[in-house]
Amino acid sequence: MIKTKKVGNLGENISRKFLENKGFLFVEKNFSGKIGEIDLVMKKKNEYFFVEVKTSSCDFNKLDKLKFLPEDHFDKRKIRKFSNIVELYVNSKNIKENYFLCACFVLVDLQKKKSKIRFLEEIS
């Protein structure tokens, strides 16, 4: 069985490629501070997009039997924490451009080597 951290890294890589294919530019990965981490920092035009990635592995033939979706692991408390680390990043890098808090929810079928992704361009 693949470990949770490896599944998370896979989800981040899938999300990065997905966003780059949508015209986003990669800025930074896994920015850490005392209060949390930002999985991906992306930029499009003159705007920053801070992306939280949540990934779950499953068998795509049994999607209807899933107990949890990746987004189930991103509750109000985690959104607040994510918002705080983004504020720290913006202040520490002296960012003046507009920015958005985003999320990528990724399902991966490790056996079939396939993924499904849902991107929320703005969360609150």
C-alpha atoms as a PDB file:
ATOM      1  CA  MET A   1       0.000   0.000   0.000  1.00  0.00           C
ATOM      2  CA  ILE A   2       1.323   3.409  -0.957  1.00  0.00           C
ATOM      3  CA  LYS A   3       1.858   5.749   1.981  1.00  0.00           C
ATOM      4  CA  THR A   4      -0.291   8.813   2.606  1.00  0.00           C
ATOM      5  CA  LYS A   5       2.599  11.245   2.033  1.00  0.00           C
ATOM      6  CA  LYS A   6       3.349   9.682  -1.357  1.00  0.00           C
ATOM      7  CA  VAL A   7      -0.322   9.947  -2.350  1.00  0.00           C
ATOM      8  CA  GLY A   8      -0.270  13.597  -1.239  1.00  0.00           C
ATOM      9  CA  ASN A   9       2.859  14.321  -3.288  1.00  0.00           C
ATOM     10  CA  LEU A  10       1.289  12.608  -6.282  1.00  0.00           C
ATOM     11  CA  GLY A  11      -1.808  14.796  -5.895  1.00  0.00           C
ATOM     12  CA  GLU A  12       0.345  17.931  -5.740  1.00  0.00           C
ATOM     13  CA  ASN A  13       2.188  16.937  -8.916  1.00  0.00           C
ATOM     14  CA  ILE A  14      -1.070  16.140 -10.723  1.00  0.00           C
ATOM     15  CA  SER A  15      -2.542  19.469  -9.573  1.00  0.00           C
ATOM     16  CA  ARG A  16       0.524  21.407 -10.682  1.00  0.00           C
ATOM     17  CA  LYS A  17       0.422  19.870 -14.182  1.00  0.00           C
ATOM     18  CA  PHE A  18      -3.345  20.424 -14.395  1.00  0.00           C
ATOM     19  CA  LEU A  19      -2.957  24.113 -13.507  1.00  0.00           C
ATOM     20  CA  GLU A  20       0.029  24.626 -15.809  1.00  0.00           C
ATOM     21  CA  ASN A  21      -2.097  23.193 -18.641  1.00  0.00           C
ATOM     22  CA  LYS A  22      -4.701  25.853 -17.751  1.00  0.00           C
ATOM     23  CA  GLY A  23      -2.135  28.646 -18.173  1.00  0.00           C
ATOM     24  CA  PHE A  24      -0.940  29.018 -14.578  1.00  0.00           C
ATOM     25  CA  LEU A  25       2.759  29.495 -13.862  1.00  0.00           C
ATOM     26  CA  PHE A  26       4.419  27.603 -11.033  1.00  0.00           C
ATOM     27  CA  VAL A  27       5.957  29.818  -8.339  1.00  0.00           C
ATOM     28  CA  GLU A  28       6.613  27.620  -5.306  1.00  0.00           C
ATOM     29  CA  LYS A  29       5.722  24.292  -3.699  1.00  0.00           C
ATOM     30  CA  ASN A  30       5.281  23.389  -0.020  1.00  0.00           C
ATOM     31  CA  PHE A  31       5.906  26.775   1.580  1.00  0.00           C
ATOM     32  CA  SER A  32       6.000  26.103   5.325  1.00  0.00           C
ATOM     33  CA  GLY A  33       5.509  28.380   8.266  1.00  0.00           C
ATOM     34  CA  LYS A  34       4.870  27.853  11.957  1.00  0.00           C
ATOM     35  CA  ILE A  35       1.132  27.824  11.346  1.00  0.00           C
ATOM     36  CA  GLY A  36       0.923  25.533   8.324  1.00  0.00           C
ATOM     37  CA  GLU A  37       1.856  24.903   4.722  1.00  0.00           C
ATOM     38  CA  ILE A  38       0.839  26.072   1.257  1.00  0.00           C
ATOM     39  CA  ASP A  39       0.939  23.168  -1.176  1.00  0.00           C
ATOM     40  CA  LEU A  40       1.248  25.201  -4.382  1.00  0.00           C
ATOM     41  CA  VAL A  41       1.762  28.843  -5.210  1.00  0.00           C
ATOM     42  CA  MET A  42       0.786  29.588  -8.797  1.00  0.00           C
ATOM     43  CA  LYS A  43       0.463  32.767 -10.821  1.00  0.00           C
ATOM     44  CA  LYS A  44      -1.692  33.725 -13.792  1.00  0.00           C
ATOM     45  CA  LYS A  45      -1.350  37.118 -15.389  1.00  0.00           C
ATOM     46  CA  ASN A  46      -0.668  39.381 -12.404  1.00  0.00           C
ATOM     47  CA  GLU A  47      -2.573  37.387  -9.811  1.00  0.00           C
ATOM     48  CA  TYR A  48      -1.418  34.804  -7.290  1.00  0.00           C
ATOM     49  CA  PHE A  49      -3.276  31.567  -6.595  1.00  0.00           C
ATOM     50  CA  PHE A  50      -2.546  29.742  -3.355  1.00  0.00           C
ATOM     51  CA  VAL A  51      -3.606  26.129  -3.717  1.00  0.00           C
ATOM     52  CA  GLU A  52      -4.448  23.587  -1.038  1.00  0.00           C
ATOM     53  CA  VAL A  53      -4.356  20.064  -2.480  1.00  0.00           C
ATOM     54  CA  LYS A  54      -6.358  17.216  -0.956  1.00  0.00           C
ATOM     55  CA  THR A  55      -5.855  13.759  -2.451  1.00  0.00           C
ATOM     56  CA  SER A  56      -7.428  10.360  -1.910  1.00  0.00           C
ATOM     57  CA  SER A  57      -6.604   7.073  -3.576  1.00  0.00           C
ATOM     58  CA  CYS A  58      -9.395   4.720  -4.580  1.00  0.00           C
ATOM     59  CA  ASP A  59     -10.569   2.186  -7.103  1.00  0.00           C
ATOM     60  CA  PHE A  60     -12.510   4.120  -9.746  1.00  0.00           C
ATOM     61  CA  ASN A  61     -14.801   1.093 -10.184  1.00  0.00           C
ATOM     62  CA  LYS A  62     -15.967   1.607  -6.588  1.00  0.00           C
ATOM     63  CA  LEU A  63     -16.444   5.387  -6.444  1.00  0.00           C
ATOM     64  CA  ASP A  64     -20.000   4.942  -5.191  1.00  0.00           C
ATOM     65  CA  LYS A  65     -18.637   3.146  -2.115  1.00  0.00           C
ATOM     66  CA  LEU A  66     -16.200   5.868  -1.091  1.00  0.00           C
ATOM     67  CA  LYS A  67     -16.615   6.906   2.529  1.00  0.00           C
ATOM     68  CA  PHE A  68     -14.733  10.184   2.140  1.00  0.00           C
ATOM     69  CA  LEU A  69     -13.960  12.478  -0.756  1.00  0.00           C
ATOM     70  CA  PRO A  70     -10.791  14.605  -0.701  1.00  0.00           C
ATOM     71  CA  GLU A  71     -12.850  17.741  -0.011  1.00  0.00           C
ATOM     72  CA  ASP A  72     -14.207  16.163   3.173  1.00  0.00           C
ATOM     73  CA  HIS A  73     -10.748  16.772   4.643  1.00  0.00           C
ATOM     74  CA  PHE A  74     -10.914  20.546   4.090  1.00  0.00           C
ATOM     75  CA  ASP A  75     -13.267  21.927   6.721  1.00  0.00           C
ATOM     76  CA  LYS A  76     -13.778  25.490   8.003  1.00  0.00           C
ATOM     77  CA  ARG A  77     -11.000  25.146  10.573  1.00  0.00           C
ATOM     78  CA  LYS A  78      -8.505  24.060   7.909  1.00  0.00           C
ATOM     79  CA  ILE A  79      -9.647  26.815   5.571  1.00  0.00           C
ATOM     80  CA  ARG A  80      -9.039  29.372   8.340  1.00  0.00           C
ATOM     81  CA  LYS A  81      -5.582  27.904   8.986  1.00  0.00           C
ATOM     82  CA  PHE A  82      -4.841  27.960   5.246  1.00  0.00           C
ATOM     83  CA  SER A  83      -5.948  31.593   5.060  1.00  0.00           C
ATOM     84  CA  ASN A  84      -3.564  32.469   7.907  1.00  0.00           C
ATOM     85  CA  ILE A  85      -0.523  30.861   6.258  1.00  0.00           C
ATOM     86  CA  VAL A  86      -1.394  32.619   2.985  1.00  0.00           C
ATOM     87  CA  GLU A  87      -1.472  35.964   4.824  1.00  0.00           C
ATOM     88  CA  LEU A  88       1.960  35.168   6.287  1.00  0.00           C
ATOM     89  CA  TYR A  89       3.292  34.361   2.810  1.00  0.00           C
ATOM     90  CA  VAL A  90       1.800  37.500   1.226  1.00  0.00           C
ATOM     91  CA  ASN A  91       3.257  39.708   3.971  1.00  0.00           C
ATOM     92  CA  SER A  92       6.672  38.021   4.025  1.00  0.00           C
ATOM     93  CA  LYS A  93       7.034  38.265   0.212  1.00  0.00           C
ATOM     94  CA  ASN A  94       5.542  41.790   0.111  1.00  0.00           C
ATOM     95  CA  ILE A  95       2.983  40.757  -2.512  1.00  0.00           C
ATOM     96  CA  LYS A  96       0.877  43.656  -3.741  1.00  0.00           C
ATOM     97  CA  GLU A  97      -1.012  41.830  -6.528  1.00  0.00           C
ATOM     98  CA  ASN A  98      -4.467  40.313  -6.122  1.00  0.00           C
ATOM     99  CA  TYR A  99      -4.507  36.794  -4.785  1.00  0.00           C
ATOM    100  CA  PHE A 100      -6.946  33.954  -4.333  1.00  0.00           C
ATOM    101  CA  LEU A 101      -7.228  30.945  -2.045  1.00  0.00           C
ATOM    102  CA  CYS A 102      -7.937  27.851  -4.119  1.00  0.00           C
ATOM    103  CA  ALA A 103      -8.217  24.107  -3.733  1.00  0.00           C
ATOM    104  CA  CYS A 104      -7.589  21.063  -5.887  1.00  0.00           C
ATOM    105  CA  PHE A 105      -9.374  17.881  -4.894  1.00  0.00           C
ATOM    106  CA  VAL A 106      -7.751  14.857  -6.491  1.00  0.00           C
ATOM    107  CA  LEU A 107      -8.851  11.240  -6.698  1.00  0.00           C
ATOM    108  CA  VAL A 108      -6.226   8.783  -7.926  1.00  0.00           C
ATOM    109  CA  ASP A 109      -6.633   5.182  -8.972  1.00  0.00           C
ATOM    110  CA  LEU A 110      -3.134   3.834  -8.402  1.00  0.00           C
ATOM    111  CA  GLN A 111      -3.817   0.545 -10.181  1.00  0.00           C
ATOM    112  CA  LYS A 112      -5.162   2.172 -13.345  1.00  0.00           C
ATOM    113  CA  LYS A 113      -2.755   5.126 -13.087  1.00  0.00           C
ATOM    114  CA  LYS A 114      -5.616   7.569 -13.637  1.00  0.00           C
ATOM    115  CA  SER A 115      -6.786  10.643 -11.783  1.00  0.00           C
ATOM    116  CA  LYS A 116      -9.790  12.925 -11.485  1.00  0.00           C
ATOM    117  CA  ILE A 117      -9.411  16.489 -10.334  1.00  0.00           C
ATOM    118  CA  ARG A 118     -11.770  19.234  -9.233  1.00  0.00           C
ATOM    119  CA  PHE A 119     -10.405  22.774  -9.021  1.00  0.00           C
ATOM    120  CA  LEU A 120     -12.050  25.486  -6.929  1.00  0.00           C
ATOM    121  CA  GLU A 121     -10.647  28.790  -8.077  1.00  0.00           C
ATOM    122  CA  GLU A 122     -11.770  30.667  -5.010  1.00  0.00           C
ATOM    123  CA  ILE A 123     -12.619  29.395  -1.558  1.00  0.00           C
ATOM    124  CA  SER A 124     -13.741  31.314   1.489  1.00  0.00           C
END
